[in-house]
Amino acid sequence: MPIPVTATPAPHPERPSRAGPVAEPPFPFRQFIVKMHGRCNLACRYCYLYEGPDHTWRGRPAATPPGVLERTALRIGEHAAAHGLTALSLVLHGGEPLLAGAGTLARFTGLVRDRVPDDCTVHATVQTNATLLTERRLAVLARHSIRVGISLDGGLPEHNTLRTDHAGRPSWPAAARGARLISEHRPEAYAGILTVVDPTTDPVEVYESLLALRPPALDLLLPHGNWSARPPHREGPGTPYGDWLCAVFDRWWRAGRRETRVRLFEECVALLLGLPAATESLGLAPFDAVVVETDGSIEQVDSLKSCYEGAARTGLDVFRNSFDQALRHPGVAARQAGAASLAAACRACPLLAVCGGGHYAHRYRAGHGFTNPSVYCADLQRLIRHVARSLAGAAAAPAVPAASPAPAAPALLEGDVL
């Protein structure tokens, strides 16, 4: 399951901005992704975690033992205190985290909140496939201020044909029931929906079908792939993913009101305006997420597991090591080095400040590591230039009467990205 952007991001005062100097790495972790359960009740046929090249999950406990959770909470509190964090994101992840039980998720979240300093706010989110959501479980999560992010391939049954259980039965009926349950009965706990882009689908249909589930936010992710294991439909010279995203952007941008947040688009707009933005897929902000596996191993994010066996491994664990030690791991240091860790072609690109080289895992090429442009380079250029033209058009448009809804015109457009 991908890491959600539906989690509430913790404030990051040290993120790079064109407006002035920034602090030097290492930057503290502010997103703690904790594997609450290492197995999943679904067997999605495209899952990079269980069907990909990394099989380290097979040797780990299914459910995270209480001792690992207690030690993880202690380490998070230790890190928050050492770096004076006033907010952090706690992502309860899997596999399918609800297999651990809503009570376990609530108890662990309470442990973390008890261990961090009094002035540090813990924004907790569980990322689920929604099939196990019930009124009782949602009540437990809501009572402990744990928001719920849902992973779906679209808002219609035909969009989710690859999301089946281990017996090959469709997951859509249960997932749709869970999504509607939270949107209708616990909207305050609804974090949003995460969807992986499939360029063979109708982009506007997918977007509008997801809107029908009333998410406060949508996260559109490119499927994990790289130069040695190409993403589906990315063999030719075109830009199928960029075209798909541009179509959704136009539908979103021209709505005249914010129907939902789409983080990829909002971050792209912010970066084009020279504002700081926080996303793993765009920009040069230092990466600040870390993973704790079910056996207590401290790892880099799961997306690296789409590259090769052991790509996320650090050799550290919560019993013997602190998160500060993980900050010094070469892989983490590379993620926080900004433009210095990018390929020469990326550093020379006029879109650098917005693209940021793309998602780190998408740069991998066997034998050459991660110092390459993204396998989605052309798609990202297509999207960024399209968004820039939309911003320029809005800035040049005649003034609209206050009573007429319209997208807000930008105050600034950097000419070097057009």
Protein backbone atom coordinates (compact mmCIF):
# COMPACT_ATOMS: atom_id res chain seq x y z
CA MET A 1 0.00 0.00 0.00
CA PRO A 2 1.43 3.42 -0.90
CA ILE A 3 2.26 5.97 1.72
CA PRO A 4 -0.67 8.35 1.95
CA VAL A 5 -0.66 12.03 1.45
CA THR A 6 -4.01 12.05 3.11
CA ALA A 7 -2.16 12.21 6.42
CA THR A 8 -2.07 15.69 7.95
CA PRO A 9 1.40 17.04 7.18
CA ALA A 10 3.32 18.42 10.12
CA PRO A 11 4.55 22.00 9.75
CA HIS A 12 8.09 22.16 8.40
CA PRO A 13 9.69 25.56 8.98
CA GLU A 14 12.97 24.48 7.40
CA ARG A 15 11.61 23.55 3.96
CA PRO A 16 13.50 25.17 1.07
CA SER A 17 11.98 28.32 -0.37
CA ARG A 18 13.11 30.69 -3.07
CA ALA A 19 12.54 33.50 -0.60
CA GLY A 20 15.62 33.00 1.55
CA PRO A 21 18.27 30.73 3.12
CA VAL A 22 17.43 27.35 4.57
CA ALA A 23 18.82 25.19 7.31
CA GLU A 24 21.37 22.50 6.54
CA PRO A 25 20.68 18.73 6.71
CA PRO A 26 20.13 16.45 8.45
CA PHE A 27 16.51 17.50 8.93
CA PRO A 28 14.54 15.69 11.66
CA PHE A 29 11.91 13.14 10.78
CA ARG A 30 8.39 14.55 11.00
CA GLN A 31 6.46 11.63 9.48
CA PHE A 32 6.56 8.32 11.31
CA ILE A 33 5.04 5.46 9.30
CA VAL A 34 4.47 2.51 11.61
CA LYS A 35 3.52 -0.91 10.24
CA MET A 36 0.74 -2.06 12.49
CA HIS A 37 0.25 -5.27 10.52
CA GLY A 38 2.49 -6.82 7.91
CA ARG A 39 -0.15 -8.70 5.94
CA CYS A 40 -3.15 -7.67 3.88
CA ASN A 41 -6.64 -9.13 3.48
CA LEU A 42 -6.51 -8.20 -0.22
CA ALA A 43 -4.28 -9.53 -2.99
CA CYS A 44 -4.25 -6.64 -5.45
CA ARG A 45 -2.61 -7.93 -8.59
CA TYR A 46 -0.38 -4.89 -9.08
CA CYS A 47 0.83 -4.53 -5.47
CA TYR A 48 4.52 -3.61 -5.50
CA LEU A 49 4.87 -4.50 -1.82
CA TYR A 50 3.75 -8.13 -1.94
CA GLU A 51 4.17 -8.84 -5.66
CA GLY A 52 7.36 -6.85 -6.25
CA PRO A 53 11.07 -7.70 -6.04
CA ASP A 54 11.41 -7.25 -2.26
CA HIS A 55 10.32 -10.21 -0.11
CA THR A 56 11.63 -9.11 3.29
CA TRP A 57 8.04 -8.98 4.59
CA ARG A 58 7.91 -12.80 4.56
CA GLY A 59 10.35 -13.09 7.46
CA ARG A 60 8.68 -10.54 9.70
CA PRO A 61 5.85 -10.94 12.22
CA ALA A 62 2.37 -10.44 10.83
CA ALA A 63 1.08 -8.37 13.76
CA THR A 64 3.45 -5.90 15.38
CA PRO A 65 4.28 -7.12 18.92
CA PRO A 66 3.40 -4.84 21.87
CA GLY A 67 7.09 -4.53 22.77
CA VAL A 68 7.88 -3.08 19.33
CA LEU A 69 5.05 -0.58 19.62
CA GLU A 70 6.12 0.51 23.09
CA ARG A 71 9.72 1.00 22.00
CA THR A 72 8.65 2.82 18.83
CA ALA A 73 6.54 5.26 20.83
CA LEU A 74 9.53 5.90 23.11
CA ARG A 75 11.83 6.54 20.13
CA ILE A 76 9.32 8.92 18.52
CA GLY A 77 9.02 10.87 21.76
CA GLU A 78 12.79 10.95 22.09
CA HIS A 79 13.18 12.34 18.55
CA ALA A 80 10.44 14.93 19.02
CA ALA A 81 12.03 16.17 22.23
CA ALA A 82 15.57 16.25 20.81
CA HIS A 83 14.50 18.38 17.85
CA GLY A 84 11.85 20.52 19.51
CA LEU A 85 9.09 19.31 17.21
CA THR A 86 5.77 21.02 17.81
CA ALA A 87 3.88 18.69 15.44
CA LEU A 88 4.42 15.36 13.72
CA SER A 89 2.48 12.93 11.53
CA LEU A 90 1.86 9.39 12.72
CA VAL A 91 0.75 7.10 9.88
CA LEU A 92 -0.67 3.75 10.97
CA HIS A 93 0.14 1.54 8.03
CA GLY A 94 0.40 -1.99 6.69
CA GLY A 95 -0.40 -4.29 4.89
CA GLU A 96 -3.88 -3.62 6.15
CA PRO A 97 -3.53 -1.91 9.53
CA LEU A 98 -7.10 -2.66 10.65
CA LEU A 99 -6.11 -6.33 10.83
CA ALA A 100 -4.36 -5.29 14.06
CA GLY A 101 -7.69 -4.08 15.49
CA ALA A 102 -8.95 -0.55 16.03
CA GLY A 103 -8.22 -0.86 19.75
CA THR A 104 -4.54 -1.58 19.08
CA LEU A 105 -4.30 1.42 16.77
CA ALA A 106 -5.89 3.62 19.42
CA ARG A 107 -3.65 2.34 22.22
CA PHE A 108 -0.49 2.86 20.20
CA THR A 109 -1.54 6.37 19.18
CA GLY A 110 -2.14 7.12 22.86
CA LEU A 111 1.32 5.79 23.71
CA VAL A 112 2.93 8.12 21.18
CA ARG A 113 0.97 11.11 22.45
CA ASP A 114 2.05 10.28 25.99
CA ARG A 115 5.72 10.06 24.99
CA VAL A 116 6.08 13.26 22.96
CA PRO A 117 6.54 16.64 24.72
CA ASP A 118 3.38 18.37 25.90
CA ASP A 119 3.64 21.04 23.20
CA CYS A 120 3.94 18.51 20.33
CA THR A 121 0.75 17.69 18.43
CA VAL A 122 0.46 14.19 16.95
CA HIS A 123 -1.62 14.09 13.75
CA ALA A 124 -2.61 10.42 13.45
CA THR A 125 -3.97 8.77 10.30
CA VAL A 126 -4.69 5.16 9.40
CA GLN A 127 -4.37 4.22 5.72
CA THR A 128 -6.79 1.41 4.91
CA ASN A 129 -8.44 -0.37 1.99
CA ALA A 130 -11.75 0.35 3.80
CA THR A 131 -13.06 -3.23 3.59
CA LEU A 132 -12.83 -3.74 7.35
CA LEU A 133 -14.40 -0.44 8.39
CA THR A 134 -17.44 -0.77 10.64
CA GLU A 135 -19.40 1.72 12.72
CA ARG A 136 -17.79 0.39 15.88
CA ARG A 137 -14.24 0.59 14.52
CA LEU A 138 -14.82 4.08 13.16
CA ALA A 139 -16.17 5.17 16.54
CA VAL A 140 -12.98 3.95 18.24
CA LEU A 141 -10.75 5.72 15.72
CA ALA A 142 -12.74 8.96 15.85
CA ARG A 143 -12.76 8.94 19.65
CA HIS A 144 -8.96 8.88 19.60
CA SER A 145 -8.66 11.54 16.87
CA ILE A 146 -7.31 9.10 14.29
CA ARG A 147 -8.29 10.14 10.80
CA VAL A 148 -8.94 7.59 8.05
CA GLY A 149 -7.36 7.61 4.59
CA ILE A 150 -8.74 5.17 2.02
CA SER A 151 -6.95 3.50 -0.90
CA LEU A 152 -9.11 2.92 -3.99
CA ASP A 153 -8.49 2.72 -7.75
CA GLY A 154 -11.58 4.77 -8.53
CA GLY A 155 -15.14 5.31 -7.40
CA LEU A 156 -16.83 2.64 -9.54
CA PRO A 157 -16.72 -1.17 -9.40
CA GLU A 158 -15.07 -1.40 -12.83
CA HIS A 159 -12.18 0.77 -11.63
CA ASN A 160 -11.33 -1.74 -8.90
CA THR A 161 -11.29 -5.07 -10.72
CA LEU A 162 -7.64 -5.70 -9.79
CA ARG A 163 -8.35 -5.17 -6.09
CA THR A 164 -9.48 -8.65 -5.05
CA ASP A 165 -9.16 -10.74 -1.92
CA HIS A 166 -7.00 -13.86 -1.69
CA ALA A 167 -9.82 -15.98 -3.11
CA GLY A 168 -10.16 -13.68 -6.13
CA ARG A 169 -13.40 -12.09 -4.93
CA PRO A 170 -13.93 -8.37 -5.64
CA SER A 171 -13.19 -6.01 -2.78
CA TRP A 172 -15.35 -3.18 -4.13
CA PRO A 173 -18.64 -3.91 -2.30
CA ALA A 174 -16.94 -3.87 1.12
CA ALA A 175 -14.65 -0.96 0.23
CA ALA A 176 -17.53 1.16 -1.07
CA ARG A 177 -19.55 0.37 2.04
CA GLY A 178 -16.63 1.50 4.22
CA ALA A 179 -16.09 4.70 2.24
CA ARG A 180 -19.75 5.65 2.42
CA LEU A 181 -19.87 4.82 6.11
CA ILE A 182 -17.17 7.32 6.94
CA SER A 183 -18.37 10.02 4.53
CA GLU A 184 -21.93 9.86 5.86
CA HIS A 185 -21.42 9.16 9.55
CA ARG A 186 -17.89 10.27 10.50
CA PRO A 187 -16.91 13.04 8.06
CA GLU A 188 -14.74 14.67 10.72
CA ALA A 189 -12.51 11.57 10.66
CA TYR A 190 -12.32 11.37 6.85
CA ALA A 191 -8.79 12.17 5.64
CA GLY A 192 -9.36 11.44 1.96
CA ILE A 193 -8.75 8.93 -0.84
CA LEU A 194 -5.52 7.76 -2.40
CA THR A 195 -5.67 6.59 -6.03
CA VAL A 196 -2.95 5.23 -8.30
CA VAL A 197 -3.21 6.60 -11.83
CA ASP A 198 -4.24 4.18 -14.57
CA PRO A 199 -3.93 5.91 -17.97
CA THR A 200 -6.26 3.37 -19.59
CA THR A 201 -9.21 4.74 -17.60
CA ASP A 202 -11.27 7.83 -18.40
CA PRO A 203 -9.64 10.50 -16.19
CA VAL A 204 -12.70 12.69 -15.70
CA GLU A 205 -14.91 9.68 -15.00
CA VAL A 206 -12.47 8.44 -12.34
CA TYR A 207 -12.24 11.89 -10.75
CA GLU A 208 -15.98 12.47 -10.67
CA SER A 209 -16.65 8.95 -9.38
CA LEU A 210 -14.29 9.62 -6.49
CA LEU A 211 -15.96 12.97 -5.82
CA ALA A 212 -19.20 11.03 -5.31
CA LEU A 213 -17.57 9.45 -2.23
CA ARG A 214 -17.15 12.98 -0.83
CA PRO A 215 -13.46 12.89 0.11
CA PRO A 216 -12.02 16.07 1.61
CA ALA A 217 -8.79 15.34 -0.30
CA LEU A 218 -7.58 13.22 -3.18
CA ASP A 219 -4.08 11.91 -3.70
CA LEU A 220 -3.18 10.92 -7.26
CA LEU A 221 -0.05 8.78 -7.35
CA LEU A 222 1.96 7.50 -10.29
CA PRO A 223 2.42 3.71 -10.13
CA HIS A 224 5.85 2.71 -8.88
CA GLY A 225 8.24 1.81 -11.64
CA ASN A 226 11.74 2.70 -12.77
CA TRP A 227 14.12 2.49 -15.73
CA SER A 228 14.76 -1.21 -15.12
CA ALA A 229 11.13 -2.15 -14.43
CA ARG A 230 9.05 0.21 -16.56
CA PRO A 231 5.62 1.26 -15.33
CA PRO A 232 2.65 -0.10 -17.28
CA HIS A 233 1.96 1.78 -20.54
CA ARG A 234 5.24 3.71 -20.27
CA GLU A 235 7.21 2.00 -23.05
CA GLY A 236 6.48 4.41 -25.90
CA PRO A 237 7.43 8.05 -26.56
CA GLY A 238 4.13 9.62 -25.43
CA THR A 239 3.04 11.01 -22.07
CA PRO A 240 0.02 8.88 -21.10
CA TYR A 241 0.27 9.66 -17.39
CA GLY A 242 0.85 13.36 -17.97
CA ASP A 243 -2.10 13.52 -20.36
CA TRP A 244 -4.34 11.77 -17.81
CA LEU A 245 -3.30 14.14 -15.03
CA CYS A 246 -3.77 17.21 -17.23
CA ALA A 247 -7.34 16.14 -18.00
CA VAL A 248 -8.13 15.78 -14.30
CA PHE A 249 -6.39 19.08 -13.54
CA ASP A 250 -8.56 20.90 -16.08
CA ARG A 251 -11.72 19.41 -14.56
CA TRP A 252 -10.53 20.38 -11.06
CA TRP A 253 -9.26 23.85 -12.01
CA ARG A 254 -12.33 24.88 -14.01
CA ALA A 255 -14.89 23.78 -11.42
CA GLY A 256 -15.15 27.34 -10.10
CA ARG A 257 -14.96 26.13 -6.51
CA ARG A 258 -12.87 23.70 -4.50
CA GLU A 259 -14.78 20.42 -4.73
CA THR A 260 -11.93 18.63 -3.02
CA ARG A 261 -8.23 19.12 -2.43
CA VAL A 262 -5.92 17.40 -4.90
CA ARG A 263 -2.49 17.58 -3.31
CA LEU A 264 -0.46 16.96 -6.45
CA PHE A 265 -2.13 19.92 -8.16
CA GLU A 266 -2.03 22.21 -5.14
CA GLU A 267 1.64 21.49 -4.55
CA CYS A 268 2.44 22.05 -8.22
CA VAL A 269 0.68 25.42 -8.15
CA ALA A 270 2.46 26.40 -4.92
CA LEU A 271 5.88 25.48 -6.31
CA LEU A 272 5.22 27.38 -9.53
CA LEU A 273 4.48 30.42 -7.38
CA GLY A 274 7.76 30.01 -5.53
CA LEU A 275 6.10 28.87 -2.32
CA PRO A 276 7.34 26.00 -0.12
CA ALA A 277 5.52 22.72 -0.63
CA ALA A 278 5.68 19.25 0.89
CA THR A 279 5.30 16.23 -1.34
CA GLU A 280 7.46 13.24 -2.17
CA SER A 281 6.67 13.56 -5.88
CA LEU A 282 7.51 17.21 -6.53
CA GLY A 283 9.87 19.92 -5.28
CA LEU A 284 13.17 19.94 -3.45
CA ALA A 285 11.93 19.87 0.14
CA PRO A 286 14.06 17.58 2.32
CA PHE A 287 12.46 14.19 2.80
CA ASP A 288 11.35 13.66 6.40
CA ALA A 289 9.59 10.26 6.58
CA VAL A 290 10.78 7.07 8.24
CA VAL A 291 9.23 3.60 8.55
CA VAL A 292 9.14 1.15 11.46
CA GLU A 293 8.46 -2.43 10.38
CA THR A 294 6.57 -5.06 12.40
CA ASP A 295 9.82 -6.46 13.84
CA GLY A 296 11.04 -2.99 14.89
CA SER A 297 13.37 -2.47 11.93
CA ILE A 298 13.86 1.18 10.99
CA GLU A 299 13.58 1.50 7.23
CA GLN A 300 13.28 3.99 4.43
CA VAL A 301 9.89 4.27 2.75
CA ASP A 302 8.20 1.28 1.10
CA SER A 303 8.32 2.75 -2.40
CA LEU A 304 12.00 1.79 -2.56
CA LYS A 305 10.96 -1.85 -2.35
CA SER A 306 9.70 -1.54 -5.92
CA CYS A 307 13.35 -1.23 -7.02
CA TYR A 308 15.16 -4.28 -5.62
CA GLU A 309 15.36 -6.61 -2.64
CA GLY A 310 16.43 -4.79 0.52
CA ALA A 311 16.39 -1.31 -1.04
CA ALA A 312 14.64 0.20 2.01
CA ARG A 313 16.86 -1.52 4.58
CA THR A 314 19.01 0.55 6.96
CA GLY A 315 20.28 -2.18 9.33
CA LEU A 316 18.84 -0.25 12.28
CA ASP A 317 16.02 -1.03 14.70
CA VAL A 318 14.13 0.73 17.49
CA PHE A 319 15.68 -1.43 20.21
CA ARG A 320 19.31 -0.64 19.45
CA ASN A 321 19.14 2.62 17.51
CA SER A 322 17.62 6.08 17.65
CA PHE A 323 15.95 7.89 14.78
CA ASP A 324 18.88 10.32 14.83
CA GLN A 325 21.11 7.43 13.80
CA ALA A 326 18.73 6.76 10.90
CA LEU A 327 19.14 10.38 9.79
CA ARG A 328 22.82 9.64 9.17
CA HIS A 329 22.11 6.64 6.93
CA PRO A 330 23.48 7.29 3.38
CA GLY A 331 20.09 6.63 1.80
CA VAL A 332 18.34 9.14 4.05
CA ALA A 333 21.13 11.67 3.54
CA ALA A 334 20.71 11.37 -0.23
CA ARG A 335 16.98 12.06 0.10
CA GLN A 336 17.74 15.24 2.07
CA ALA A 337 20.51 16.57 -0.16
CA GLY A 338 18.19 18.39 -2.55
CA ALA A 339 19.51 19.21 -6.02
CA ALA A 340 23.00 17.97 -5.13
CA SER A 341 21.81 14.35 -5.35
CA LEU A 342 20.17 14.74 -8.76
CA ALA A 343 21.39 13.85 -12.23
CA ALA A 344 23.18 16.60 -14.17
CA ALA A 345 20.29 16.80 -16.63
CA CYS A 346 17.88 17.48 -13.76
CA ARG A 347 20.09 20.15 -12.21
CA ALA A 348 20.23 21.97 -15.56
CA CYS A 349 16.47 21.73 -16.18
CA PRO A 350 14.38 24.95 -15.93
CA LEU A 351 11.65 22.94 -14.18
CA LEU A 352 13.97 21.78 -11.38
CA ALA A 353 12.45 23.84 -8.55
CA VAL A 354 9.01 22.41 -9.29
CA CYS A 355 9.77 18.88 -10.43
CA GLY A 356 12.61 18.27 -7.99
CA GLY A 357 13.68 15.25 -10.03
CA GLY A 358 10.40 13.44 -9.38
CA HIS A 359 9.81 10.60 -6.96
CA TYR A 360 13.08 9.08 -5.74
CA ALA A 361 12.10 5.46 -6.46
CA HIS A 362 11.18 6.34 -10.03
CA ARG A 363 14.78 7.40 -10.78
CA TYR A 364 16.33 3.98 -10.21
CA ARG A 365 18.25 2.14 -12.92
CA ALA A 366 20.02 -1.17 -12.15
CA GLY A 367 23.76 -0.64 -12.11
CA HIS A 368 23.41 3.15 -11.99
CA GLY A 369 21.51 3.75 -8.75
CA PHE A 370 19.18 6.72 -8.31
CA THR A 371 21.16 9.50 -10.01
CA ASN A 372 18.91 9.54 -13.05
CA PRO A 373 15.91 11.55 -14.20
CA SER A 374 12.54 10.08 -13.29
CA VAL A 375 11.14 7.42 -15.57
CA TYR A 376 8.14 9.79 -15.65
CA CYS A 377 10.23 12.81 -16.67
CA ALA A 378 8.23 13.52 -19.84
CA ASP A 379 4.91 13.08 -18.01
CA LEU A 380 5.96 15.44 -15.23
CA GLN A 381 7.09 18.07 -17.73
CA ARG A 382 3.75 17.74 -19.51
CA LEU A 383 1.81 18.32 -16.27
CA ILE A 384 3.98 21.15 -14.92
CA ARG A 385 3.96 23.13 -18.15
CA HIS A 386 0.20 22.65 -18.46
CA VAL A 387 -0.40 23.91 -14.91
CA ALA A 388 1.95 26.86 -15.56
CA ARG A 389 -0.03 27.85 -18.65
CA SER A 390 -3.26 27.66 -16.64
CA LEU A 391 -1.78 29.92 -13.99
CA ALA A 392 -0.56 32.37 -16.61
CA GLY A 393 -3.99 32.41 -18.22
CA ALA A 394 -5.67 33.09 -14.88
CA ALA A 395 -3.25 35.94 -14.16
CA ALA A 396 -3.90 37.50 -17.55
CA ALA A 397 -7.69 37.10 -17.48
CA PRO A 398 -9.94 40.16 -16.99
CA ALA A 399 -11.14 40.78 -13.46
CA VAL A 400 -14.16 38.65 -12.51
CA PRO A 401 -16.99 40.22 -10.46
CA ALA A 402 -16.79 39.15 -6.83
CA ALA A 403 -20.15 37.39 -7.04
CA SER A 404 -18.96 35.03 -9.78
CA PRO A 405 -17.00 31.95 -8.63
CA ALA A 406 -13.62 31.58 -10.32
CA PRO A 407 -10.19 30.16 -9.55
CA ALA A 408 -8.05 32.59 -7.61
CA ALA A 409 -5.57 34.40 -9.83
CA PRO A 410 -1.94 33.91 -8.80
CA ALA A 411 0.07 36.81 -7.51
CA LEU A 412 3.29 35.61 -9.16
CA LEU A 413 4.41 33.33 -11.95
CA GLU A 414 8.06 32.40 -12.31
CA GLY A 415 9.00 32.83 -15.96
CA ASP A 416 11.71 30.17 -15.84
CA VAL A 417 9.18 27.32 -15.72
CA LEU A 418 7.15 28.18 -18.81
